[in-house]
Amino acid sequence: MNIAFYKPYGVLSSFTHEAENERDSAKRTLSEFGMPAGIYAAGRLDYDSEGLLILSDDGSLIHRLTDPRFKLPKTYYVLVEGVPTPAALDALRAGIPLKGVQTQPCDADTLPHEPQLPAREKPVTPHGPTTWLKIVLREGRKRQVRHMTAYVGLPTLRLVRVAIGPVSLAELRPGQWRRLTAGETRLLTARQ
């Protein structure tokens, strides 16, 4: 079984979690969204990020979605504080040093208008002008988009993954899920 899920802001990308302190014990998990048993997230989104997660009971599909050798594009809409210069966008596209290793080249552009996204439970409070970016990665390191935008002087305020390969959020709202179609699954597993 393969599922597309719109992970809300403030939810962990796992079904369980061990709290290290009392404040940490209140963190929400995937278990509250009524998904079938026996599926696991193919990759993750940080607690403070939102958007598309694919969950599956198929280990080979999970491997294909998470192994950077397959270069499956992951598309993000990113609200940053500041206005990117052409040089900042070029630096994002070329890749930045992250923990001593250069990130892979990616697509990075400003969006011509604010994307139509559901309001977030906890509103963003910028301290200056903001810009929406579209970033397409073909790898996925921990907090990579946030590190990349910070490196070029554009702190991330909101991060929403809107697509993984051919699968998009489409009509899903935060907390909703749907089964992937046979066609979507075929496209995800096709050799590239």
Protein backbone atom coordinates (compact mmCIF):
# COMPACT_ATOMS: atom_id res chain seq x y z
CA MET A 1 0.00 0.00 0.00
CA ASN A 2 1.33 3.42 -0.99
CA ILE A 3 -0.02 6.64 0.46
CA ALA A 4 0.41 10.37 -0.15
CA PHE A 5 0.00 12.37 3.07
CA TYR A 6 -0.01 16.13 3.70
CA LYS A 7 2.06 16.37 6.89
CA PRO A 8 0.98 19.40 8.88
CA TYR A 9 3.39 21.80 10.56
CA GLY A 10 4.30 20.60 14.06
CA VAL A 11 4.04 16.86 13.40
CA LEU A 12 6.91 14.36 13.49
CA SER A 13 7.48 12.14 10.42
CA SER A 14 7.13 8.98 12.50
CA PHE A 15 4.33 7.03 14.16
CA THR A 16 5.99 6.97 17.59
CA HIS A 17 8.58 8.95 19.42
CA GLU A 18 10.40 8.79 22.71
CA ALA A 19 10.16 12.06 24.59
CA GLU A 20 13.32 13.29 26.26
CA ASN A 21 11.43 15.77 28.45
CA GLU A 22 7.89 16.82 29.35
CA ARG A 23 7.71 19.55 26.69
CA ASP A 24 8.88 17.06 24.09
CA SER A 25 6.16 14.55 25.05
CA ALA A 26 3.44 16.78 23.56
CA LYS A 27 4.81 16.44 20.01
CA ARG A 28 2.30 15.05 17.55
CA THR A 29 3.08 11.97 15.43
CA LEU A 30 1.65 10.31 12.30
CA SER A 31 -0.32 7.89 14.49
CA GLU A 32 -3.17 10.37 14.94
CA PHE A 33 -4.13 10.52 11.24
CA GLY A 34 -5.83 7.11 10.83
CA MET A 35 -3.48 5.62 8.26
CA PRO A 36 -3.31 1.84 7.78
CA ALA A 37 -0.92 -0.21 9.92
CA GLY A 38 2.36 -1.48 8.51
CA ILE A 39 3.35 1.53 6.42
CA TYR A 40 6.44 3.65 6.90
CA ALA A 41 7.51 7.09 5.74
CA ALA A 42 9.78 7.12 2.70
CA GLY A 43 12.08 9.84 3.95
CA ARG A 44 11.07 12.58 6.31
CA LEU A 45 10.09 16.17 6.77
CA ASP A 46 11.27 18.09 9.81
CA TYR A 47 8.87 18.81 12.65
CA ASP A 48 8.65 22.46 11.56
CA SER A 49 8.25 21.67 7.84
CA GLU A 50 5.07 20.59 6.11
CA GLY A 51 3.84 19.00 2.95
CA LEU A 52 4.03 15.77 1.03
CA LEU A 53 5.18 12.54 2.64
CA ILE A 54 4.89 9.22 0.83
CA LEU A 55 4.31 6.22 3.07
CA SER A 56 4.49 2.61 1.96
CA ASP A 57 4.72 -1.01 3.04
CA ASP A 58 7.00 -1.69 0.05
CA GLY A 59 10.66 -1.61 1.11
CA SER A 60 11.96 -1.42 -2.46
CA LEU A 61 9.78 1.63 -3.19
CA ILE A 62 10.93 3.30 0.03
CA HIS A 63 14.56 2.62 -0.99
CA ARG A 64 13.97 4.08 -4.46
CA LEU A 65 12.40 7.23 -2.99
CA THR A 66 15.14 7.84 -0.44
CA ASP A 67 18.36 6.73 -2.16
CA PRO A 68 20.00 9.78 -3.82
CA ARG A 69 21.37 7.56 -6.63
CA PHE A 70 17.89 7.60 -8.19
CA LYS A 71 17.85 11.44 -8.27
CA LEU A 72 14.08 11.62 -7.77
CA PRO A 73 13.15 15.33 -7.78
CA LYS A 74 11.58 16.73 -4.63
CA THR A 75 9.89 20.12 -5.07
CA TYR A 76 9.60 22.65 -2.24
CA TYR A 77 7.94 26.03 -1.88
CA VAL A 78 10.06 28.03 0.54
CA LEU A 79 9.16 31.34 2.14
CA VAL A 80 12.39 33.17 2.96
CA GLU A 81 13.09 36.40 4.74
CA GLY A 82 14.70 38.81 2.32
CA VAL A 83 14.84 39.33 -1.41
CA PRO A 84 17.22 37.01 -3.26
CA THR A 85 19.83 38.52 -5.53
CA PRO A 86 20.77 36.80 -8.80
CA ALA A 87 24.04 35.77 -7.10
CA ALA A 88 22.15 34.13 -4.21
CA LEU A 89 19.96 32.15 -6.64
CA ASP A 90 23.05 31.12 -8.63
CA ALA A 91 24.73 29.93 -5.42
CA LEU A 92 21.66 27.84 -4.50
CA ARG A 93 21.59 26.34 -8.00
CA ALA A 94 25.30 25.48 -7.94
CA GLY A 95 25.15 23.88 -4.49
CA ILE A 96 26.57 25.01 -1.19
CA PRO A 97 29.02 23.42 1.27
CA LEU A 98 27.04 21.56 3.93
CA LYS A 99 29.04 19.95 6.74
CA GLY A 100 32.11 19.83 4.52
CA VAL A 101 30.36 18.32 1.47
CA GLN A 102 29.02 20.25 -1.52
CA THR A 103 25.29 19.82 -2.13
CA GLN A 104 24.23 18.68 -5.59
CA PRO A 105 23.13 21.30 -8.12
CA CYS A 106 19.41 22.06 -7.89
CA ASP A 107 16.73 24.21 -9.46
CA ALA A 108 16.01 27.45 -7.56
CA ASP A 109 13.81 30.32 -8.71
CA THR A 110 11.53 32.94 -7.23
CA LEU A 111 7.82 32.28 -7.57
CA PRO A 112 5.98 35.04 -9.45
CA HIS A 113 3.23 35.12 -6.80
CA GLU A 114 2.40 33.63 -3.42
CA PRO A 115 1.41 29.96 -3.80
CA GLN A 116 -2.11 28.87 -2.85
CA LEU A 117 -1.33 26.96 0.35
CA PRO A 118 -3.49 26.33 3.41
CA ALA A 119 -2.86 28.69 6.31
CA ARG A 120 -0.43 27.31 8.85
CA GLU A 121 -1.58 26.67 12.45
CA LYS A 122 1.27 28.81 13.75
CA PRO A 123 1.49 31.91 11.52
CA VAL A 124 4.83 33.06 10.15
CA THR A 125 6.03 36.36 11.62
CA PRO A 126 8.67 37.92 9.34
CA HIS A 127 10.80 40.89 10.36
CA GLY A 128 11.16 42.31 6.88
CA PRO A 129 10.36 41.62 3.23
CA THR A 130 9.76 38.02 2.23
CA THR A 131 10.01 36.03 -1.00
CA TRP A 132 8.63 32.65 -2.07
CA LEU A 133 11.14 30.36 -3.78
CA LYS A 134 10.67 27.10 -5.65
CA ILE A 135 13.54 24.71 -4.98
CA VAL A 136 13.87 21.27 -6.59
CA LEU A 137 16.38 18.92 -4.98
CA ARG A 138 17.54 15.52 -6.19
CA GLU A 139 19.08 14.57 -2.86
CA GLY A 140 17.86 14.99 0.68
CA ARG A 141 20.08 15.79 3.62
CA LYS A 142 18.91 16.72 7.07
CA ARG A 143 17.46 20.26 7.01
CA GLN A 144 19.15 20.81 3.64
CA VAL A 145 16.84 23.51 2.27
CA ARG A 146 17.06 25.50 5.50
CA HIS A 147 20.88 25.27 5.52
CA MET A 148 21.06 26.28 1.85
CA THR A 149 18.87 29.36 2.18
CA ALA A 150 20.62 30.43 5.39
CA TYR A 151 24.00 30.09 3.64
CA VAL A 152 22.94 32.69 1.05
CA GLY A 153 21.49 35.03 3.72
CA LEU A 154 17.81 34.12 3.26
CA PRO A 155 16.49 32.41 6.41
CA THR A 156 13.64 29.97 5.79
CA LEU A 157 10.35 30.99 7.43
CA ARG A 158 8.07 28.32 5.95
CA LEU A 159 8.93 25.18 4.02
CA VAL A 160 6.35 23.09 2.15
CA ARG A 161 7.22 20.02 0.04
CA VAL A 162 4.67 20.09 -2.78
CA ALA A 163 5.85 17.15 -4.92
CA ILE A 164 8.00 14.03 -4.97
CA GLY A 165 8.63 13.02 -8.56
CA PRO A 166 5.22 12.74 -10.27
CA VAL A 167 3.23 12.78 -7.00
CA SER A 168 1.95 16.14 -5.73
CA LEU A 169 -0.15 17.41 -2.86
CA ALA A 170 -2.91 18.17 -5.40
CA GLU A 171 -6.14 18.64 -3.43
CA LEU A 172 -4.88 17.29 -0.10
CA ARG A 173 -5.21 19.52 2.96
CA PRO A 174 -2.97 19.28 6.05
CA GLY A 175 -3.66 16.00 7.85
CA GLN A 176 -5.34 14.33 4.85
CA TRP A 177 -4.06 11.30 2.97
CA ARG A 178 -4.95 9.27 -0.10
CA ARG A 179 -3.77 6.09 -1.78
CA LEU A 180 -1.42 6.55 -4.71
CA THR A 181 -2.85 5.55 -8.07
CA ALA A 182 -1.36 2.60 -9.93
CA GLY A 183 -0.03 5.09 -12.49
CA GLU A 184 1.73 7.18 -9.83
CA THR A 185 3.31 4.06 -8.34
CA ARG A 186 4.46 2.92 -11.80
CA LEU A 187 6.05 6.32 -12.44
CA LEU A 188 7.81 6.29 -9.06
CA THR A 189 9.32 2.88 -9.74
CA ALA A 190 10.20 3.44 -13.43
CA ARG A 191 13.87 3.42 -14.31
CA GLN A 192 15.22 6.89 -14.98
